[in-house]
């Protein structure tokens, strides 16, 4: 029956009508043989009835189970109607599944795009953080240089205080030397007289 469905669903099923009717007849015969309401005795009665109806000229069974054309066509038409309904249901199911898959593809694509955008934002933040790290490192280096400058300034201040102390001491000694010199000059004037 899978081949039958595929031929019905194909775009040009006209080439497969012979196969369709053969498969349909086999299917119908299988369905008839599987009917639970047909008892073995009724089948035997049919067989007995058909065997009594023999052709005298050649001794063959002319009344074998030959189905009338109208009944056969009606059976085929019923089978075609049933299969048309099944095919319509299958087409509807395929359409629904296709729509569901399309929606799933759109959802997955949107999710992928969202993840790509999140990754891009994270990369940008990471790059900004790396820039901040470089700036922090630069500021730390500058701070270390400033600390060195502070130490140099302190050393210079201490040196300046020391020199100012020495300068005061030298001034005091110079003042004392000037006093001594003036005293000596005064003694010189005394000796001149």
Protein backbone atom coordinates (compact mmCIF):
# COMPACT_ATOMS: atom_id res chain seq x y z
CA UNK A 1 0.00 0.00 0.00
CA UNK A 2 2.98 2.30 0.44
CA UNK A 3 3.55 2.18 -3.33
CA UNK A 4 -0.11 2.95 -3.83
CA UNK A 5 0.07 6.02 -1.59
CA UNK A 6 3.21 7.25 -3.31
CA UNK A 7 1.59 6.89 -6.74
CA UNK A 8 -1.46 8.80 -5.54
CA UNK A 9 0.64 11.55 -4.01
CA UNK A 10 2.89 11.92 -7.07
CA UNK A 11 2.37 14.71 -9.58
CA UNK A 12 1.57 12.39 -12.53
CA UNK A 13 -0.33 9.36 -11.22
CA UNK A 14 -1.83 8.60 -14.65
CA UNK A 15 0.96 6.17 -15.54
CA UNK A 16 0.24 4.10 -12.43
CA UNK A 17 -3.52 3.47 -12.80
CA UNK A 18 -2.99 -0.16 -13.80
CA UNK A 19 -0.84 -0.70 -10.73
CA UNK A 20 -3.43 1.20 -8.69
CA UNK A 21 -6.32 -1.03 -9.74
CA UNK A 22 -4.28 -4.23 -9.30
CA UNK A 23 -3.23 -3.19 -5.79
CA UNK A 24 -6.78 -2.08 -5.03
CA UNK A 25 -8.21 -5.43 -6.11
CA UNK A 26 -5.66 -7.34 -4.03
CA UNK A 27 -6.44 -5.13 -1.06
CA UNK A 28 -10.18 -5.65 -1.52
CA UNK A 29 -9.77 -9.44 -1.74
CA UNK A 30 -7.65 -9.43 1.40
CA UNK A 31 -10.31 -7.37 3.17
CA UNK A 32 -13.03 -9.79 2.09
CA UNK A 33 -11.02 -12.80 3.28
CA UNK A 34 -10.52 -11.12 6.64
CA UNK A 35 -14.19 -10.34 7.27
CA UNK A 36 -15.20 -12.02 10.53
CA UNK A 37 -18.92 -12.25 9.65
CA UNK A 38 -18.29 -14.65 6.73
CA UNK A 39 -18.46 -18.15 8.21
CA UNK A 40 -16.83 -21.26 6.81
CA UNK A 41 -20.25 -22.85 6.11
CA UNK A 42 -21.39 -19.90 4.00
CA UNK A 43 -18.14 -20.10 1.99
CA UNK A 44 -18.74 -23.84 1.52
CA UNK A 45 -22.32 -23.16 0.37
CA UNK A 46 -21.06 -20.64 -2.19
CA UNK A 47 -18.46 -23.10 -3.41
CA UNK A 48 -21.12 -25.88 -3.71
CA UNK A 49 -23.50 -23.56 -5.52
CA UNK A 50 -20.85 -22.48 -7.99
CA UNK A 51 -19.68 -26.06 -8.61
CA UNK A 52 -23.23 -27.14 -9.56
CA UNK A 53 -23.33 -24.47 -12.22
CA UNK A 54 -21.03 -26.13 -14.76
CA UNK A 55 -20.77 -25.45 -18.45
CA UNK A 56 -21.87 -28.52 -20.39
CA UNK A 57 -19.86 -27.77 -23.51
CA UNK A 58 -16.38 -27.76 -22.01
CA UNK A 59 -16.94 -28.89 -18.41
CA UNK A 60 -15.63 -25.68 -16.86
CA UNK A 61 -17.09 -23.76 -13.97
CA UNK A 62 -18.83 -20.85 -15.70
CA UNK A 63 -20.41 -19.57 -12.47
CA UNK A 64 -17.21 -19.10 -10.49
CA UNK A 65 -17.05 -16.10 -8.16
CA UNK A 66 -17.18 -13.47 -10.91
CA UNK A 67 -18.26 -10.15 -9.48
CA UNK A 68 -20.69 -8.09 -11.56
CA UNK A 69 -19.01 -5.05 -13.19
CA UNK A 70 -21.33 -2.56 -11.46
CA UNK A 71 -20.57 -4.00 -8.04
CA UNK A 72 -16.86 -4.10 -8.85
CA UNK A 73 -16.93 -0.45 -9.95
CA UNK A 74 -18.90 0.51 -6.83
CA UNK A 75 -16.33 -1.29 -4.65
CA UNK A 76 -13.48 0.45 -6.45
CA UNK A 77 -15.26 3.81 -6.15
CA UNK A 78 -15.78 3.25 -2.42
CA UNK A 79 -12.13 2.29 -2.04
CA UNK A 80 -11.05 5.36 -4.04
CA UNK A 81 -13.26 7.58 -1.84
CA UNK A 82 -11.79 6.08 1.31
CA UNK A 83 -8.26 6.52 0.00
CA UNK A 84 -9.05 10.09 -1.10
CA UNK A 85 -10.11 10.85 2.47
CA UNK A 86 -6.95 9.18 3.81
CA UNK A 87 -4.77 11.09 1.32
CA UNK A 88 -6.48 14.38 2.25
CA UNK A 89 -5.83 13.60 5.93
CA UNK A 90 -2.20 12.77 5.12
CA UNK A 91 -1.81 15.98 3.12
CA UNK A 92 -3.31 17.96 6.01
CA UNK A 93 -0.94 16.24 8.46
CA UNK A 94 2.03 16.93 6.16
CA UNK A 95 0.97 20.58 5.87
CA UNK A 96 0.65 20.91 9.66
CA UNK A 97 4.01 19.20 10.23
CA UNK A 98 5.63 21.42 7.58
CA UNK A 99 4.20 24.52 9.29
CA UNK A 100 5.40 23.23 12.66
CA UNK A 101 8.89 22.55 11.26
CA UNK A 102 8.99 26.00 9.60
CA UNK A 103 8.06 27.63 12.92
CA UNK A 104 10.73 25.57 14.66
CA UNK A 105 13.33 26.64 12.07
CA UNK A 106 12.36 30.31 12.58
CA UNK A 107 12.57 29.87 16.38
CA UNK A 108 15.97 28.17 16.14
CA UNK A 109 17.25 30.87 13.77
CA UNK A 110 16.06 33.63 16.13
CA UNK A 111 17.64 31.84 19.09
CA UNK A 112 20.91 31.49 17.17
CA UNK A 113 20.88 35.20 16.22
CA UNK A 114 20.18 36.14 19.86
CA UNK A 115 23.11 34.00 21.03
CA UNK A 116 25.37 35.57 18.39
CA UNK A 117 24.35 39.06 19.61
CA UNK A 118 25.00 38.07 23.25
CA UNK A 119 28.43 36.72 22.30
CA UNK A 120 29.18 39.92 20.38
CA UNK A 121 28.19 42.04 23.39
CA UNK A 122 30.34 39.89 25.67
CA UNK A 123 33.31 40.27 23.30
CA UNK A 124 32.83 44.06 23.28
CA UNK A 125 32.65 44.11 27.10
CA UNK A 126 35.75 41.94 27.28
CA UNK A 127 37.59 44.31 24.93
CA UNK A 128 36.50 47.29 27.08
CA UNK A 129 37.68 45.47 30.21
CA UNK A 130 41.03 44.79 28.56
CA UNK A 131 41.32 48.52 27.77
CA UNK A 132 40.44 49.32 31.40
CA UNK A 133 43.07 46.84 32.58
CA UNK A 134 45.67 48.51 30.36
CA UNK A 135 44.66 51.94 31.71
CA UNK A 136 44.81 50.67 35.31
CA UNK A 137 48.27 49.27 34.63
CA UNK A 138 49.34 52.62 33.15
CA UNK A 139 47.97 54.49 36.19
CA UNK A 140 49.70 52.08 38.55
CA UNK A 141 52.97 52.73 36.68
CA UNK A 142 52.39 56.49 36.94
CA UNK A 143 51.60 56.12 40.65
CA UNK A 144 54.86 54.22 41.17
CA UNK A 145 56.71 57.03 39.39
CA UNK A 146 54.95 59.61 41.57
CA UNK A 147 55.93 57.67 44.69
CA UNK A 148 59.52 57.74 43.46
CA UNK A 149 59.18 61.51 42.86
CA UNK A 150 57.77 61.93 46.38
CA UNK A 151 60.76 60.06 47.79
CA UNK A 152 63.07 62.30 45.74
CA UNK A 153 61.27 65.42 46.96
CA UNK A 154 61.53 64.23 50.57
CA UNK A 155 65.23 63.60 50.08
CA UNK A 156 65.65 67.08 48.60
CA UNK A 157 63.65 68.63 51.44
CA UNK A 158 65.78 66.82 54.01
CA UNK A 159 68.91 67.92 52.16
CA UNK A 160 67.63 71.50 52.06
CA UNK A 161 66.94 71.47 55.82
CA UNK A 162 70.42 70.09 56.41
CA UNK A 163 71.97 72.76 54.18
CA UNK A 164 69.94 75.51 55.86
CA UNK A 165 71.20 74.25 59.22
CA UNK A 166 74.76 74.29 57.93
CA UNK A 167 74.18 77.75 56.47
CA UNK A 168 72.97 79.06 59.82
CA UNK A 169 75.98 77.52 61.52
CA UNK A 170 78.30 79.07 58.95
CA UNK A 171 76.63 82.47 59.39
CA UNK A 172 77.07 82.24 63.14
CA UNK A 173 80.72 81.27 62.76
CA UNK A 174 81.17 84.06 60.21
CA UNK A 175 79.67 86.55 62.69
CA UNK A 176 81.99 85.33 65.38
CA UNK A 177 84.98 85.56 63.01
CA UNK A 178 83.98 89.12 62.07
CA UNK A 179 83.84 90.04 65.75
CA UNK A 180 87.29 88.54 66.30
CA UNK A 181 88.60 90.36 63.25
CA UNK A 182 87.14 93.66 64.44
CA UNK A 183 88.72 93.06 67.82
CA UNK A 184 92.08 92.40 66.21
CA UNK A 185 91.72 95.52 64.10
CA UNK A 186 91.03 97.53 67.27
CA UNK A 187 94.20 96.14 68.89
CA UNK A 188 96.17 97.09 65.79
CA UNK A 189 95.03 100.69 66.11
CA UNK A 190 96.10 100.69 69.74
CA UNK A 191 99.60 99.45 68.90
CA UNK A 192 99.96 102.03 66.15
CA UNK A 193 99.55 104.81 68.65
